[in-house]
Amino acid sequence: MATTPGEPFAESAGEAVQTAVMSVRLVMAIADAVRRHQQRQKKGAEEELPPAGQAKEDAKAELKDLLPADISMALMSGADWPQLAQQLMALKSAGVDLEQLLPRVGEIAVTVRDQVAANAERVAKEGTGEWERMLRETLPAGPVREAILSSPTWPDIAATMAKLNERGVDVRKILASAHDEGLGVDQAVAKVLGAGEAPTTSRDALLSWGPLTDGLDIPKDLDLNDRKKALRQLAISPQENARYARMLMDALPAHGREVDLAVTAKQWPLVAARMAKMESEKKPVAEHLAGLAKDVSWTAGPNGQIGSRLVQATNHVLRHAPGEAPPAARPKVSTSAARLQSTTVGPTKAQAAKTAAPAEAGVAAHRQTGPAAKQGRVK
């Protein structure tokens, strides 16, 4: 069987070093994905990679004394070294300090190398390739997670994660470390591109604060107007989203039209994110959804709003134990409430005074903890 130039060294170096090299490639692929994403966002296009020949020489000089010798040699002996060298020099050109980045990447690689060496037997494979879910559980919402999932190289990144997992490596730990490096890359590239301060909280993120996002990890720049982007920001794959829609349909087989309206409603991605979070916590989503058929008060009201009401009702039953969700509060529409919600009629001075001082200023509703203050009449 023919061998590539890097294989003889790989065999002599052993599985531990090769697995460590794989972790370096994973971290660098994530860093490169963040760089590309930042440049597309700010410049509309990615900067071209430097010529491979020159990049190899420059990257070799950069690696000297910054990575352990066995790992750097394995990297430069690999068939993908020219591409890796190009990525490395593109990061430097984008403003990333390699003298800060590479030693931290080296620490990750050494940890992986030692971990594999200590595990003589390979642990059984746990998952079946649902790496989007692992990302959602491991990485907070933000530019790094979105960059990974939107990268053209995401399939390659997922495949690398699977191989590391098969070899007994704690992929979650690597992802957590790679996330911190990704943030540094994001900030460095943004500084060069003149991006300035981090984006302010979007209108969708602000308007979603409350029961719909309580306990969820949502990005500050959430964009619910773009369904595909919103699902990507929340780390929900199209396959997962379709499955959650089917679960709702299975819970309400007699309400197909209403379910379709709920799934196409603007805030549906937040419901899907809650289902995904519950599944990761091994909670019985289907049993929660069964409560929708028992309390159909969500069917009452204007037909034009039934999709939105079902979204709220679904979120309501998901946030309570199966069969224990209290009747959802559905106050009658009043003129004063309508005026407060109106975009054309402002509140009166008396109404404004009542709402001027929130109980906990500066704290987002979906980040608050502890029991909510009771409202309504005192019996």
Protein backbone atom coordinates (compact mmCIF):
# COMPACT_ATOMS: atom_id res chain seq x y z
CA MET A 1 0.00 0.00 0.00
CA ALA A 2 1.33 3.41 -0.92
CA THR A 3 2.08 5.83 1.90
CA THR A 4 2.09 9.60 2.04
CA PRO A 5 5.24 11.44 3.20
CA GLY A 6 3.76 12.12 6.62
CA GLU A 7 2.75 8.53 7.45
CA PRO A 8 6.14 7.03 8.50
CA PHE A 9 6.59 9.75 11.10
CA ALA A 10 2.99 9.39 12.21
CA GLU A 11 3.46 5.68 12.88
CA SER A 12 6.63 6.23 14.90
CA ALA A 13 5.23 9.16 16.86
CA GLY A 14 2.30 7.11 18.06
CA GLU A 15 -1.43 7.58 18.37
CA ALA A 16 -1.14 10.03 21.28
CA VAL A 17 0.82 12.61 19.29
CA GLN A 18 -1.37 12.20 16.23
CA THR A 19 -4.47 12.75 18.33
CA ALA A 20 -2.87 15.85 19.85
CA VAL A 21 -2.17 17.11 16.32
CA MET A 22 -5.82 16.48 15.48
CA SER A 23 -6.86 18.71 18.38
CA VAL A 24 -4.54 21.46 17.11
CA ARG A 25 -6.16 21.21 13.68
CA LEU A 26 -9.59 21.47 15.30
CA VAL A 27 -8.69 24.61 17.26
CA MET A 28 -7.05 26.20 14.22
CA ALA A 29 -10.03 25.34 12.00
CA ILE A 30 -12.34 27.06 14.49
CA ALA A 31 -10.04 30.08 14.70
CA ASP A 32 -9.94 30.28 10.89
CA ALA A 33 -13.74 29.97 10.71
CA VAL A 34 -14.05 32.92 13.10
CA ARG A 35 -11.62 34.98 11.00
CA ARG A 36 -13.52 34.25 7.80
CA HIS A 37 -16.86 35.03 9.43
CA GLN A 38 -15.65 38.36 10.81
CA GLN A 39 -14.24 39.41 7.43
CA ARG A 40 -17.45 38.42 5.60
CA GLN A 41 -19.52 40.37 8.12
CA LYS A 42 -17.44 43.55 7.93
CA LYS A 43 -15.98 43.52 4.41
CA GLY A 44 -18.44 41.37 2.49
CA ALA A 45 -15.75 38.89 1.49
CA GLU A 46 -12.91 36.85 2.92
CA GLU A 47 -9.33 37.91 2.35
CA GLU A 48 -7.39 35.55 0.08
CA LEU A 49 -5.01 33.12 1.72
CA PRO A 50 -1.27 33.81 1.25
CA PRO A 51 0.68 31.64 -1.26
CA ALA A 52 1.25 28.15 0.16
CA GLY A 53 5.00 28.08 -0.49
CA GLN A 54 5.77 31.27 1.41
CA ALA A 55 3.20 30.47 4.08
CA LYS A 56 4.94 27.17 4.90
CA GLU A 57 8.26 28.90 5.50
CA ASP A 58 6.75 31.72 7.54
CA ALA A 59 4.58 29.37 9.60
CA LYS A 60 7.53 27.08 10.32
CA ALA A 61 9.38 30.05 11.81
CA GLU A 62 6.33 31.00 13.86
CA LEU A 63 5.98 27.49 15.30
CA LYS A 64 9.59 27.39 16.52
CA ASP A 65 9.63 27.23 20.34
CA LEU A 66 5.89 27.97 20.54
CA LEU A 67 4.64 24.36 20.24
CA PRO A 68 6.12 21.15 21.68
CA ALA A 69 8.67 19.71 19.24
CA ASP A 70 6.88 16.38 18.68
CA ILE A 71 3.58 18.10 17.93
CA SER A 72 5.04 20.79 15.64
CA MET A 73 7.01 18.14 13.71
CA ALA A 74 3.87 16.04 13.29
CA LEU A 75 1.99 19.09 12.05
CA MET A 76 4.60 19.95 9.44
CA SER A 77 4.83 16.31 8.31
CA GLY A 78 1.11 16.10 7.56
CA ALA A 79 -0.32 16.23 4.06
CA ASP A 80 -2.46 19.23 5.06
CA TRP A 81 0.50 21.32 6.33
CA PRO A 82 0.38 23.80 3.39
CA GLN A 83 -3.29 24.57 4.11
CA LEU A 84 -2.69 24.81 7.85
CA ALA A 85 0.27 27.13 7.25
CA GLN A 86 -1.92 29.37 5.08
CA GLN A 87 -4.58 29.53 7.80
CA LEU A 88 -1.94 30.37 10.40
CA MET A 89 -0.45 33.23 8.40
CA ALA A 90 -3.91 34.51 7.43
CA LEU A 91 -4.68 34.80 11.16
CA LYS A 92 -1.48 36.76 11.69
CA SER A 93 -2.28 39.02 8.76
CA ALA A 94 -5.75 39.61 10.23
CA GLY A 95 -4.26 40.90 13.48
CA VAL A 96 -3.98 37.80 15.68
CA ASP A 97 -0.88 37.66 17.91
CA LEU A 98 0.49 34.17 17.22
CA GLU A 99 2.95 34.44 20.11
CA GLN A 100 -0.10 34.60 22.38
CA LEU A 101 -2.27 32.10 20.50
CA LEU A 102 0.14 29.24 19.75
CA PRO A 103 1.36 28.56 23.32
CA ARG A 104 -2.25 28.24 24.46
CA VAL A 105 -2.99 25.90 21.56
CA GLY A 106 0.11 23.95 22.59
CA GLU A 107 -1.26 23.54 26.12
CA ILE A 108 -4.46 22.07 24.67
CA ALA A 109 -2.46 19.67 22.50
CA VAL A 110 -0.28 18.50 25.40
CA THR A 111 -3.37 17.84 27.50
CA VAL A 112 -4.86 15.75 24.70
CA ARG A 113 -1.59 13.88 24.10
CA ASP A 114 -1.26 12.96 27.76
CA GLN A 115 -4.94 12.07 28.02
CA VAL A 116 -4.73 9.61 25.12
CA ALA A 117 -1.51 8.12 26.47
CA ALA A 118 -3.20 7.53 29.83
CA ASN A 119 -6.20 5.81 28.23
CA ALA A 120 -4.98 2.46 26.95
CA GLU A 121 -8.45 1.34 25.96
CA ARG A 122 -10.73 3.27 23.69
CA VAL A 123 -14.01 4.24 25.27
CA ALA A 124 -17.22 3.29 23.51
CA LYS A 125 -18.56 5.93 21.19
CA GLU A 126 -21.34 7.86 22.94
CA GLY A 127 -23.09 9.85 20.28
CA THR A 128 -24.25 9.40 16.71
CA GLY A 129 -22.92 12.60 15.21
CA GLU A 130 -25.22 15.22 16.78
CA TRP A 131 -22.41 17.70 17.13
CA GLU A 132 -24.68 20.73 16.83
CA ARG A 133 -26.20 19.69 20.14
CA MET A 134 -22.79 19.35 21.74
CA LEU A 135 -21.91 22.85 20.55
CA ARG A 136 -25.11 24.26 22.01
CA GLU A 137 -24.49 22.53 25.34
CA THR A 138 -20.80 23.47 25.49
CA LEU A 139 -20.45 26.88 23.87
CA PRO A 140 -22.44 30.00 24.78
CA ALA A 141 -24.39 31.73 22.06
CA GLY A 142 -22.28 34.27 20.24
CA PRO A 143 -19.88 34.90 17.34
CA VAL A 144 -17.76 31.78 17.85
CA ARG A 145 -20.62 29.29 17.84
CA GLU A 146 -22.29 30.98 14.89
CA ALA A 147 -18.99 31.10 12.98
CA ILE A 148 -18.47 27.36 13.47
CA LEU A 149 -21.95 26.36 12.33
CA SER A 150 -21.97 28.73 9.35
CA SER A 151 -18.47 27.78 8.16
CA PRO A 152 -18.13 25.88 4.86
CA THR A 153 -15.70 23.60 6.75
CA TRP A 154 -18.26 22.67 9.44
CA PRO A 155 -18.58 19.05 8.16
CA ASP A 156 -14.80 18.66 8.47
CA ILE A 157 -14.85 20.16 11.98
CA ALA A 158 -17.64 17.77 13.01
CA ALA A 159 -15.74 14.80 11.58
CA THR A 160 -12.66 15.78 13.57
CA MET A 161 -14.74 16.04 16.73
CA ALA A 162 -16.10 12.54 16.10
CA LYS A 163 -12.59 11.09 15.66
CA LEU A 164 -11.35 12.76 18.85
CA ASN A 165 -14.38 11.44 20.72
CA GLU A 166 -13.71 7.90 19.47
CA ARG A 167 -10.16 8.09 20.80
CA GLY A 168 -11.25 8.93 24.31
CA VAL A 169 -10.65 12.68 24.20
CA ASP A 170 -12.88 15.06 26.16
CA VAL A 171 -14.18 17.01 23.14
CA ARG A 172 -16.24 19.35 25.32
CA LYS A 173 -13.13 20.48 27.15
CA ILE A 174 -11.34 21.19 23.88
CA LEU A 175 -14.33 23.11 22.56
CA ALA A 176 -14.47 25.21 25.72
CA SER A 177 -10.79 26.09 25.34
CA ALA A 178 -11.17 26.69 21.59
CA HIS A 179 -14.09 29.02 22.31
CA ASP A 180 -11.88 31.28 24.42
CA GLU A 181 -9.28 31.38 21.65
CA GLY A 182 -12.02 32.02 19.10
CA LEU A 183 -13.17 35.06 21.07
CA GLY A 184 -9.63 36.39 21.00
CA VAL A 185 -9.48 35.86 17.24
CA ASP A 186 -12.86 37.54 16.80
CA GLN A 187 -11.74 40.60 18.77
CA ALA A 188 -8.37 40.80 17.04
CA VAL A 189 -9.86 40.62 13.54
CA ALA A 190 -12.63 43.04 14.50
CA LYS A 191 -10.04 45.53 15.74
CA VAL A 192 -8.17 45.43 12.44
CA LEU A 193 -11.41 45.78 10.50
CA GLY A 194 -12.48 48.71 12.66
CA ALA A 195 -15.52 46.92 14.02
CA GLY A 196 -15.31 48.83 17.29
CA GLU A 197 -17.42 47.79 20.25
CA ALA A 198 -19.45 44.59 20.36
CA PRO A 199 -22.89 44.91 18.78
CA THR A 200 -25.64 46.16 21.05
CA THR A 201 -28.52 43.92 21.98
CA SER A 202 -30.85 43.46 19.02
CA ARG A 203 -34.53 44.37 19.08
CA ASP A 204 -35.47 40.69 18.78
CA ALA A 205 -33.34 39.78 21.80
CA LEU A 206 -34.86 42.63 23.81
CA LEU A 207 -38.44 41.79 22.88
CA SER A 208 -37.88 38.09 23.63
CA TRP A 209 -36.83 38.63 27.23
CA GLY A 210 -39.24 36.91 29.59
CA PRO A 211 -40.91 33.47 29.66
CA LEU A 212 -39.90 32.61 26.10
CA THR A 213 -36.18 32.89 26.88
CA ASP A 214 -36.12 32.12 30.61
CA GLY A 215 -33.22 29.73 31.19
CA LEU A 216 -32.16 29.76 27.53
CA ASP A 217 -28.83 30.91 26.13
CA ILE A 218 -29.66 33.43 23.41
CA PRO A 219 -27.22 35.64 21.48
CA LYS A 220 -27.35 39.39 21.88
CA ASP A 221 -27.74 39.84 18.12
CA LEU A 222 -30.62 37.37 17.75
CA ASP A 223 -32.35 37.86 14.39
CA LEU A 224 -35.79 36.24 14.32
CA ASN A 225 -36.62 37.88 11.00
CA ASP A 226 -34.17 35.49 9.32
CA ARG A 227 -35.38 31.98 10.22
CA LYS A 228 -32.30 30.19 8.89
CA LYS A 229 -29.94 32.52 10.74
CA ALA A 230 -31.95 32.39 13.98
CA LEU A 231 -31.86 28.59 14.05
CA ARG A 232 -28.12 28.68 13.35
CA GLN A 233 -27.58 31.21 16.14
CA LEU A 234 -29.45 28.90 18.54
CA ALA A 235 -27.54 25.83 17.25
CA ILE A 236 -30.67 24.11 15.94
CA SER A 237 -30.06 22.09 12.78
CA PRO A 238 -32.78 21.95 10.07
CA GLN A 239 -33.30 18.27 10.88
CA GLU A 240 -33.80 19.01 14.58
CA ASN A 241 -36.20 21.84 13.79
CA ALA A 242 -38.29 19.59 11.56
CA ARG A 243 -38.38 16.92 14.27
CA TYR A 244 -39.58 19.39 16.90
CA ALA A 245 -42.32 20.54 14.53
CA ARG A 246 -43.41 16.90 14.11
CA MET A 247 -43.45 16.44 17.87
CA LEU A 248 -45.85 19.36 18.20
CA MET A 249 -48.01 17.93 15.41
CA ASP A 250 -48.06 14.54 17.15
CA ALA A 251 -49.25 16.24 20.34
CA LEU A 252 -52.05 18.05 18.49
CA PRO A 253 -53.11 15.79 15.58
CA ALA A 254 -56.51 17.48 15.35
CA HIS A 255 -54.99 20.96 15.04
CA GLY A 256 -52.77 20.69 11.98
CA ARG A 257 -53.51 24.22 10.74
CA GLU A 258 -52.76 25.76 14.13
CA VAL A 259 -49.51 23.80 14.44
CA ASP A 260 -48.40 25.02 10.99
CA LEU A 261 -49.08 28.60 12.05
CA ALA A 262 -47.10 28.12 15.27
CA VAL A 263 -44.10 26.57 13.49
CA THR A 264 -44.00 29.43 10.98
CA ALA A 265 -44.45 32.08 13.70
CA LYS A 266 -41.55 34.46 14.22
CA GLN A 267 -40.73 33.26 17.73
CA TRP A 268 -40.88 29.52 17.00
CA PRO A 269 -37.04 29.13 17.02
CA LEU A 270 -37.09 29.98 20.74
CA VAL A 271 -39.54 27.13 21.37
CA ALA A 272 -37.32 24.78 19.35
CA ALA A 273 -34.33 25.91 21.42
CA ARG A 274 -36.21 25.08 24.61
CA MET A 275 -37.07 21.61 23.31
CA ALA A 276 -33.41 21.06 22.42
CA LYS A 277 -32.29 22.16 25.87
CA MET A 278 -34.82 19.85 27.51
CA GLU A 279 -33.63 16.91 25.41
CA SER A 280 -30.03 17.58 26.42
CA GLU A 281 -31.23 17.45 30.04
CA LYS A 282 -33.04 14.13 29.36
CA LYS A 283 -36.47 15.66 29.99
CA PRO A 284 -39.56 14.06 28.33
CA VAL A 285 -40.50 16.73 25.80
CA ALA A 286 -43.41 14.72 24.34
CA GLU A 287 -44.98 14.29 27.80
CA HIS A 288 -44.82 18.04 28.36
CA LEU A 289 -46.41 18.74 24.97
CA ALA A 290 -49.31 16.43 25.78
CA GLY A 291 -50.58 19.15 28.11
CA LEU A 292 -51.55 21.28 25.11
CA ALA A 293 -54.45 18.93 24.30
CA LYS A 294 -55.69 19.02 27.89
CA ASP A 295 -55.83 22.81 28.14
CA VAL A 296 -57.04 24.21 24.81
CA SER A 297 -57.67 27.73 26.07
CA TRP A 298 -55.04 28.81 23.52
CA THR A 299 -57.68 28.22 20.80
CA ALA A 300 -59.81 31.10 22.10
CA GLY A 301 -59.15 34.50 20.58
CA PRO A 302 -58.67 36.22 17.22
CA ASN A 303 -57.86 33.76 14.42
CA GLY A 304 -55.02 35.94 13.19
CA GLN A 305 -53.10 35.43 16.43
CA ILE A 306 -53.64 31.72 17.02
CA GLY A 307 -50.14 30.75 15.85
CA SER A 308 -48.59 33.16 18.34
CA ARG A 309 -50.92 31.94 21.11
CA LEU A 310 -49.93 28.33 20.44
CA VAL A 311 -46.25 29.31 20.60
CA GLN A 312 -46.85 30.88 24.01
CA ALA A 313 -48.92 27.90 25.18
CA THR A 314 -46.26 25.44 24.02
CA ASN A 315 -43.58 27.35 25.88
CA HIS A 316 -45.89 27.38 28.94
CA VAL A 317 -46.28 23.59 29.12
CA LEU A 318 -42.59 23.03 28.40
CA ARG A 319 -41.64 25.13 31.44
CA HIS A 320 -43.75 23.07 33.86
CA ALA A 321 -43.67 19.42 34.89
CA PRO A 322 -45.85 17.15 32.70
CA GLY A 323 -49.49 17.51 33.72
CA GLU A 324 -48.72 20.25 36.25
CA ALA A 325 -48.84 23.37 34.08
CA PRO A 326 -51.41 25.77 35.59
CA PRO A 327 -53.96 27.36 33.29
CA ALA A 328 -52.15 30.02 31.29
CA ALA A 329 -53.12 33.52 32.32
CA ARG A 330 -55.12 35.10 29.50
CA PRO A 331 -56.32 38.55 30.61
CA LYS A 332 -59.03 40.27 28.65
CA VAL A 333 -57.92 42.93 26.24
CA SER A 334 -58.32 46.38 27.74
CA THR A 335 -58.04 49.82 26.20
CA SER A 336 -55.22 50.85 28.54
CA ALA A 337 -53.21 47.71 27.81
CA ALA A 338 -53.70 48.19 24.09
CA ARG A 339 -52.50 51.78 24.34
CA LEU A 340 -49.37 50.67 26.23
CA GLN A 341 -48.53 48.14 23.49
CA SER A 342 -49.39 50.49 20.63
CA THR A 343 -46.60 51.79 18.42
CA THR A 344 -48.59 54.87 17.48
CA VAL A 345 -50.25 55.90 20.76
CA GLY A 346 -47.99 56.60 23.72
CA PRO A 347 -48.95 55.84 27.34
CA THR A 348 -50.47 58.50 29.54
CA LYS A 349 -48.38 60.09 32.26
CA ALA A 350 -50.07 57.96 34.91
CA GLN A 351 -49.43 54.77 32.97
CA ALA A 352 -45.83 55.73 32.28
CA ALA A 353 -45.26 56.36 35.99
CA LYS A 354 -46.48 52.86 36.84
CA THR A 355 -44.04 51.24 34.43
CA ALA A 356 -41.09 53.62 34.83
CA ALA A 357 -39.22 51.75 37.59
CA PRO A 358 -38.68 48.02 37.05
CA ALA A 359 -38.16 45.89 40.15
CA GLU A 360 -34.61 45.06 39.18
CA ALA A 361 -33.13 47.72 36.93
CA GLY A 362 -30.60 46.67 34.35
CA VAL A 363 -31.31 42.92 34.62
CA ALA A 364 -32.81 41.16 31.63
CA ALA A 365 -36.00 39.27 32.43
CA HIS A 366 -34.65 36.01 31.04
CA ARG A 367 -31.56 36.29 33.22
CA GLN A 368 -33.34 36.92 36.52
CA THR A 369 -33.52 34.10 39.02
CA GLY A 370 -35.78 33.36 41.95
CA PRO A 371 -39.57 33.45 42.19
CA ALA A 372 -41.38 36.14 40.26
CA ALA A 373 -43.42 38.70 42.15
CA LYS A 374 -47.09 37.75 42.37
CA GLN A 375 -49.59 39.94 40.58
CA GLY A 376 -53.33 40.26 40.65
CA ARG A 377 -55.91 40.62 43.39
CA VAL A 378 -55.15 39.71 46.98
CA LYS A 379 -57.65 37.20 48.25
